[in-house]
């Protein structure tokens, strides 16, 4: 049996289209034996996430939307 929607929370991905306040970006996440693209919004309080940033999924809205935050704090 494959992953459920809840299983996406906590997964890591990489930004492929800039994510930020007021922007709908894109991330790629390794899931279900492959890699899939999802529309991405920043988690509340998260700033701009540029292409290449490693992110963590904090919420999944089926079928193809996620909220993400930087996996490693800037600094």
Protein backbone atom coordinates (compact mmCIF):
# COMPACT_ATOMS: atom_id res chain seq x y z
CA UNK A 1 0.00 0.00 0.00
CA UNK A 2 1.34 3.50 -0.89
CA UNK A 3 1.70 6.61 1.20
CA UNK A 4 -1.39 8.38 2.48
CA UNK A 5 -1.82 12.14 2.32
CA UNK A 6 -0.77 12.45 5.97
CA UNK A 7 2.47 10.63 5.17
CA UNK A 8 3.59 13.61 3.07
CA UNK A 9 3.91 15.80 6.16
CA UNK A 10 7.55 15.77 7.22
CA UNK A 11 8.87 14.72 3.80
CA UNK A 12 11.61 16.78 2.24
CA UNK A 13 11.68 18.25 -1.21
CA UNK A 14 13.50 20.84 -3.29
CA UNK A 15 12.12 24.12 -4.63
CA UNK A 16 11.91 24.13 -8.44
CA UNK A 17 9.88 27.34 -8.75
CA UNK A 18 10.28 30.18 -6.22
CA UNK A 19 7.91 29.91 -3.23
CA UNK A 20 7.00 32.96 -1.18
CA UNK A 21 4.26 35.10 0.31
CA UNK A 22 1.76 35.86 -2.45
CA UNK A 23 3.48 33.42 -4.83
CA UNK A 24 2.48 29.92 -5.85
CA UNK A 25 5.72 28.07 -6.40
CA UNK A 26 6.66 24.49 -7.14
CA UNK A 27 8.55 21.78 -5.31
CA UNK A 28 9.65 18.27 -6.22
CA UNK A 29 9.24 15.54 -3.59
CA UNK A 30 10.41 11.93 -3.75
CA UNK A 31 7.28 9.86 -3.12
CA UNK A 32 5.64 6.62 -4.30
CA UNK A 33 8.90 5.30 -5.73
CA UNK A 34 9.54 8.36 -7.88
CA UNK A 35 9.67 12.13 -7.80
CA UNK A 36 6.56 14.29 -8.20
CA UNK A 37 5.98 18.02 -8.58
CA UNK A 38 3.54 19.86 -6.31
CA UNK A 39 2.24 23.42 -6.25
CA UNK A 40 3.73 25.01 -3.16
CA UNK A 41 2.88 27.80 -0.74
CA UNK A 42 5.09 28.98 2.12
CA UNK A 43 4.13 27.89 5.63
CA UNK A 44 2.79 30.75 7.78
CA UNK A 45 5.64 33.07 8.75
CA UNK A 46 7.98 31.65 6.11
CA UNK A 47 9.71 34.09 3.76
CA UNK A 48 10.94 33.66 0.21
CA UNK A 49 12.23 30.18 -0.69
CA UNK A 50 14.41 30.30 -3.79
CA UNK A 51 15.03 27.61 -6.40
CA UNK A 52 17.20 24.85 -4.99
CA UNK A 53 16.21 25.36 -1.34
CA UNK A 54 15.64 22.13 0.60
CA UNK A 55 12.19 22.24 2.21
CA UNK A 56 10.01 20.22 4.57
CA UNK A 57 6.31 19.61 3.84
CA UNK A 58 4.18 20.87 6.74
CA UNK A 59 0.74 20.41 5.16
CA UNK A 60 -0.67 18.59 2.12
CA UNK A 61 -3.88 19.63 0.38
CA UNK A 62 -4.78 16.84 -2.06
CA UNK A 63 -4.26 16.29 -4.76
CA UNK A 64 -1.20 18.43 -5.67
CA UNK A 65 -0.72 21.33 -3.22
CA UNK A 66 1.67 21.54 -0.28
CA UNK A 67 2.74 24.10 2.30
CA UNK A 68 6.47 24.08 2.97
CA UNK A 69 9.16 25.60 5.16
CA UNK A 70 12.93 25.68 4.81
CA UNK A 71 14.42 22.41 6.04
CA UNK A 72 17.40 24.27 7.52
CA UNK A 73 17.09 27.74 9.06
CA UNK A 74 18.96 30.51 7.24
CA UNK A 75 22.01 31.85 8.97
